[in-house]
N, C-alpha and C. Protein backbone atom coordinates (compact mmCIF):
# COMPACT_ATOMS: atom_id res chain seq x y z
N UNK A 1 0.81 -1.20 0.00
CA UNK A 1 0.00 0.00 0.00
C UNK A 1 0.85 1.27 0.00
N UNK A 2 2.05 1.19 0.57
CA UNK A 2 2.93 2.37 0.57
C UNK A 2 3.24 2.79 -0.86
N UNK A 3 3.61 1.82 -1.67
CA UNK A 3 3.94 2.15 -3.05
C UNK A 3 2.74 2.79 -3.75
N UNK A 4 1.56 2.24 -3.53
CA UNK A 4 0.36 2.79 -4.15
C UNK A 4 0.15 4.25 -3.74
N UNK A 5 0.36 4.54 -2.46
CA UNK A 5 0.21 5.91 -1.98
C UNK A 5 1.30 6.82 -2.55
N UNK A 6 2.55 6.36 -2.50
CA UNK A 6 3.68 7.20 -2.90
C UNK A 6 3.74 7.44 -4.41
N UNK A 7 3.08 6.59 -5.19
CA UNK A 7 3.11 6.75 -6.65
C UNK A 7 1.78 7.21 -7.22
N UNK A 8 0.80 7.47 -6.38
CA UNK A 8 -0.50 7.94 -6.86
C UNK A 8 -0.34 9.27 -7.58
N UNK A 9 -1.02 9.41 -8.71
CA UNK A 9 -0.95 10.66 -9.47
C UNK A 9 -1.34 11.85 -8.60
N UNK A 10 -0.45 12.84 -8.54
CA UNK A 10 -0.72 14.07 -7.82
C UNK A 10 -0.59 14.01 -6.32
N UNK A 11 -0.08 12.90 -5.78
CA UNK A 11 0.01 12.82 -4.31
C UNK A 11 0.86 13.93 -3.72
N UNK A 12 1.84 14.41 -4.51
CA UNK A 12 2.70 15.49 -4.02
C UNK A 12 1.93 16.80 -3.82
N UNK A 13 0.74 16.89 -4.38
CA UNK A 13 -0.10 18.07 -4.17
C UNK A 13 -0.77 18.06 -2.80
N UNK A 14 -0.76 16.91 -2.15
CA UNK A 14 -1.44 16.75 -0.87
C UNK A 14 -0.51 16.34 0.27
N UNK A 15 0.67 15.85 -0.08
CA UNK A 15 1.65 15.43 0.92
C UNK A 15 2.89 16.30 0.81
N UNK A 16 3.35 16.83 1.92
CA UNK A 16 4.61 17.57 1.91
C UNK A 16 5.70 16.75 2.58
N UNK A 17 5.29 15.76 3.39
CA UNK A 17 6.25 14.92 4.10
C UNK A 17 5.57 13.59 4.42
N UNK A 18 6.39 12.59 4.70
CA UNK A 18 5.88 11.27 5.10
C UNK A 18 6.76 10.72 6.20
N UNK A 19 6.14 10.29 7.29
CA UNK A 19 6.86 9.70 8.41
C UNK A 19 6.87 8.19 8.22
N UNK A 20 8.06 7.63 8.10
CA UNK A 20 8.23 6.20 7.82
C UNK A 20 8.77 5.47 9.04
N UNK A 21 8.44 4.20 9.14
CA UNK A 21 9.09 3.35 10.13
C UNK A 21 10.50 3.08 9.63
N UNK A 22 11.44 2.81 10.53
CA UNK A 22 12.82 2.59 10.10
C UNK A 22 12.97 1.53 9.00
N UNK A 23 12.23 0.42 9.09
CA UNK A 23 12.39 -0.62 8.06
C UNK A 23 11.89 -0.15 6.70
N UNK A 24 10.96 0.80 6.67
CA UNK A 24 10.43 1.31 5.40
C UNK A 24 11.47 2.13 4.66
N UNK A 25 12.43 2.71 5.38
CA UNK A 25 13.50 3.47 4.72
C UNK A 25 14.29 2.60 3.74
N UNK A 26 14.29 1.31 3.98
CA UNK A 26 15.10 0.40 3.17
C UNK A 26 14.26 -0.43 2.19
N UNK A 27 12.95 -0.18 2.15
CA UNK A 27 12.08 -0.89 1.22
C UNK A 27 12.07 -0.18 -0.13
N UNK A 28 11.77 -0.94 -1.18
CA UNK A 28 11.82 -0.41 -2.54
C UNK A 28 10.49 -0.58 -3.25
N UNK A 29 10.30 0.26 -4.26
CA UNK A 29 9.14 0.11 -5.13
C UNK A 29 9.42 -1.03 -6.11
N UNK A 30 8.44 -1.37 -6.92
CA UNK A 30 8.60 -2.47 -7.86
C UNK A 30 9.74 -2.26 -8.85
N UNK A 31 10.05 -0.98 -9.15
CA UNK A 31 11.15 -0.72 -10.08
C UNK A 31 12.52 -0.62 -9.39
N UNK A 32 12.56 -0.91 -8.08
CA UNK A 32 13.82 -0.93 -7.35
C UNK A 32 14.22 0.38 -6.70
N UNK A 33 13.36 1.39 -6.75
CA UNK A 33 13.66 2.69 -6.15
C UNK A 33 13.35 2.64 -4.66
N UNK A 34 14.31 3.04 -3.84
CA UNK A 34 14.06 3.12 -2.39
C UNK A 34 12.96 4.15 -2.13
N UNK A 35 12.10 3.85 -1.17
CA UNK A 35 10.98 4.75 -0.88
C UNK A 35 11.42 6.18 -0.56
N UNK A 36 12.49 6.41 0.25
CA UNK A 36 12.89 7.79 0.49
C UNK A 36 13.27 8.53 -0.80
N UNK A 37 13.93 7.85 -1.72
CA UNK A 37 14.29 8.47 -3.00
C UNK A 37 13.04 8.76 -3.82
N UNK A 38 12.12 7.82 -3.85
CA UNK A 38 10.86 7.99 -4.58
C UNK A 38 10.11 9.22 -4.06
N UNK A 39 10.05 9.36 -2.74
CA UNK A 39 9.37 10.51 -2.14
C UNK A 39 10.10 11.81 -2.48
N UNK A 40 11.40 11.81 -2.33
CA UNK A 40 12.20 13.01 -2.60
C UNK A 40 12.02 13.47 -4.04
N UNK A 41 12.00 12.54 -4.96
CA UNK A 41 11.83 12.88 -6.38
C UNK A 41 10.47 13.54 -6.65
N UNK A 42 9.50 13.29 -5.78
CA UNK A 42 8.17 13.88 -5.92
C UNK A 42 8.01 15.14 -5.08
N UNK A 43 9.09 15.56 -4.41
CA UNK A 43 9.04 16.76 -3.58
C UNK A 43 8.46 16.53 -2.20
N UNK A 44 8.40 15.27 -1.78
CA UNK A 44 7.87 14.90 -0.47
C UNK A 44 9.05 14.56 0.43
N UNK A 45 9.15 15.20 1.58
CA UNK A 45 10.28 15.02 2.48
C UNK A 45 10.08 13.73 3.30
N UNK A 46 11.01 12.79 3.20
CA UNK A 46 10.90 11.57 4.00
C UNK A 46 11.43 11.77 5.41
N UNK A 47 10.71 11.27 6.39
CA UNK A 47 11.14 11.31 7.78
C UNK A 47 11.04 9.92 8.38
N UNK A 48 11.40 9.82 9.66
CA UNK A 48 11.44 8.52 10.31
C UNK A 48 10.96 8.63 11.76
N UNK A 49 10.37 7.55 12.26
CA UNK A 49 10.04 7.42 13.67
C UNK A 49 11.19 6.66 14.31
N UNK A 50 12.05 7.33 15.08
CA UNK A 50 13.26 6.67 15.56
C UNK A 50 13.13 5.87 16.84
N UNK A 51 11.97 5.84 17.47
CA UNK A 51 11.85 5.09 18.72
C UNK A 51 11.96 3.59 18.43
N UNK A 52 12.30 2.84 19.45
CA UNK A 52 12.47 1.41 19.27
C UNK A 52 11.29 0.62 19.81
N UNK A 53 10.98 0.78 21.09
CA UNK A 53 9.92 -0.02 21.69
C UNK A 53 9.42 0.67 22.95
N UNK A 54 8.15 0.46 23.26
CA UNK A 54 7.56 0.99 24.49
C UNK A 54 7.56 -0.11 25.54
N UNK A 55 8.08 0.23 26.71
CA UNK A 55 8.12 -0.72 27.82
C UNK A 55 7.33 -0.17 29.00
N UNK A 56 6.72 -1.06 29.74
CA UNK A 56 6.04 -0.67 30.98
C UNK A 56 7.08 -0.63 32.09
N UNK A 57 7.07 0.46 32.85
CA UNK A 57 8.00 0.60 33.95
C UNK A 57 7.56 -0.26 35.13
N UNK A 58 8.41 -1.11 35.62
CA UNK A 58 8.04 -1.97 36.75
C UNK A 58 7.69 -1.13 37.98
N UNK A 59 6.59 -1.48 38.64
CA UNK A 59 6.19 -0.82 39.87
C UNK A 59 5.67 0.59 39.69
N UNK A 60 5.27 0.96 38.48
CA UNK A 60 4.83 2.35 38.24
C UNK A 60 3.39 2.43 37.72
N UNK A 61 2.57 1.48 38.13
CA UNK A 61 1.13 1.50 37.83
C UNK A 61 0.80 1.68 36.34
N UNK A 62 1.56 0.99 35.49
CA UNK A 62 1.26 1.04 34.06
C UNK A 62 1.93 2.15 33.29
N UNK A 63 2.73 2.99 33.95
CA UNK A 63 3.46 4.03 33.23
C UNK A 63 4.44 3.38 32.26
N UNK A 64 4.66 4.04 31.15
CA UNK A 64 5.54 3.47 30.12
C UNK A 64 6.72 4.39 29.83
N UNK A 65 7.71 3.82 29.21
CA UNK A 65 8.89 4.55 28.76
C UNK A 65 9.22 4.06 27.35
N UNK A 66 9.74 4.96 26.53
CA UNK A 66 10.10 4.60 25.18
C UNK A 66 11.60 4.37 25.09
N UNK A 67 11.98 3.22 24.60
CA UNK A 67 13.39 2.87 24.46
C UNK A 67 13.94 3.57 23.22
N UNK A 68 15.21 3.91 23.25
CA UNK A 68 15.83 4.40 22.04
C UNK A 68 16.74 5.61 22.18
N UNK A 69 16.64 6.37 23.26
CA UNK A 69 17.49 7.54 23.39
C UNK A 69 18.97 7.18 23.50
N UNK A 70 19.25 6.03 24.11
CA UNK A 70 20.64 5.66 24.32
C UNK A 70 21.40 5.42 23.02
N UNK A 71 20.72 5.04 21.95
CA UNK A 71 21.41 4.79 20.68
C UNK A 71 20.92 5.71 19.56
N UNK A 72 20.26 6.79 19.94
CA UNK A 72 19.64 7.68 18.95
C UNK A 72 20.66 8.30 18.00
N UNK A 73 21.79 8.75 18.48
CA UNK A 73 22.77 9.42 17.62
C UNK A 73 23.25 8.50 16.49
N UNK A 74 23.54 7.26 16.82
CA UNK A 74 24.01 6.31 15.82
C UNK A 74 22.90 6.02 14.80
N UNK A 75 21.69 5.76 15.30
CA UNK A 75 20.59 5.47 14.40
C UNK A 75 20.20 6.67 13.55
N UNK A 76 20.30 7.88 14.11
CA UNK A 76 19.96 9.09 13.35
C UNK A 76 20.87 9.23 12.13
N UNK A 77 22.15 8.93 12.30
CA UNK A 77 23.07 8.99 11.16
C UNK A 77 22.70 7.94 10.12
N UNK A 78 22.37 6.74 10.57
CA UNK A 78 21.97 5.68 9.63
C UNK A 78 20.70 6.08 8.88
N UNK A 79 19.74 6.65 9.58
CA UNK A 79 18.49 7.06 8.95
C UNK A 79 18.73 8.19 7.96
N UNK A 80 19.60 9.13 8.33
CA UNK A 80 19.93 10.23 7.41
C UNK A 80 20.59 9.68 6.15
N UNK A 81 21.53 8.78 6.34
CA UNK A 81 22.21 8.17 5.19
C UNK A 81 21.23 7.40 4.31
N UNK A 82 20.15 6.89 4.90
CA UNK A 82 19.14 6.15 4.15
C UNK A 82 18.11 7.07 3.48
N UNK A 83 18.20 8.39 3.74
CA UNK A 83 17.32 9.33 3.06
C UNK A 83 16.35 10.10 3.93
N UNK A 84 16.24 9.77 5.21
CA UNK A 84 15.35 10.51 6.10
C UNK A 84 15.91 11.92 6.34
N UNK A 85 15.05 12.90 6.37
CA UNK A 85 15.49 14.28 6.58
C UNK A 85 14.89 14.93 7.81
N UNK A 86 14.09 14.17 8.55
CA UNK A 86 13.59 14.63 9.85
C UNK A 86 13.17 13.42 10.65
N UNK A 87 12.96 13.63 11.93
CA UNK A 87 12.51 12.55 12.81
C UNK A 87 11.32 13.04 13.62
N UNK A 88 10.40 12.13 13.89
CA UNK A 88 9.24 12.41 14.72
C UNK A 88 9.27 11.40 15.87
N UNK A 89 9.53 11.89 17.07
CA UNK A 89 9.68 10.98 18.21
C UNK A 89 8.35 10.50 18.66
């Protein structure tokens, strides 16, 4: 469905950016174009959700914490190299 959305005629008239999961940064369209490149070519800025996983904090009545800050700098460089130009935490 991502490919269908990203290649729909005129989608760039309605999308200025797209927030992708990290694995989507490395997925390709049927013609072999990486999704971030496909978006960029249409004037749509590719971004990424850099969080890893939500965990429940023990003894905190269901409060949660999001994993990922400890390795964010390394992953941010990888995501940038893969075509992401912003992150949404």
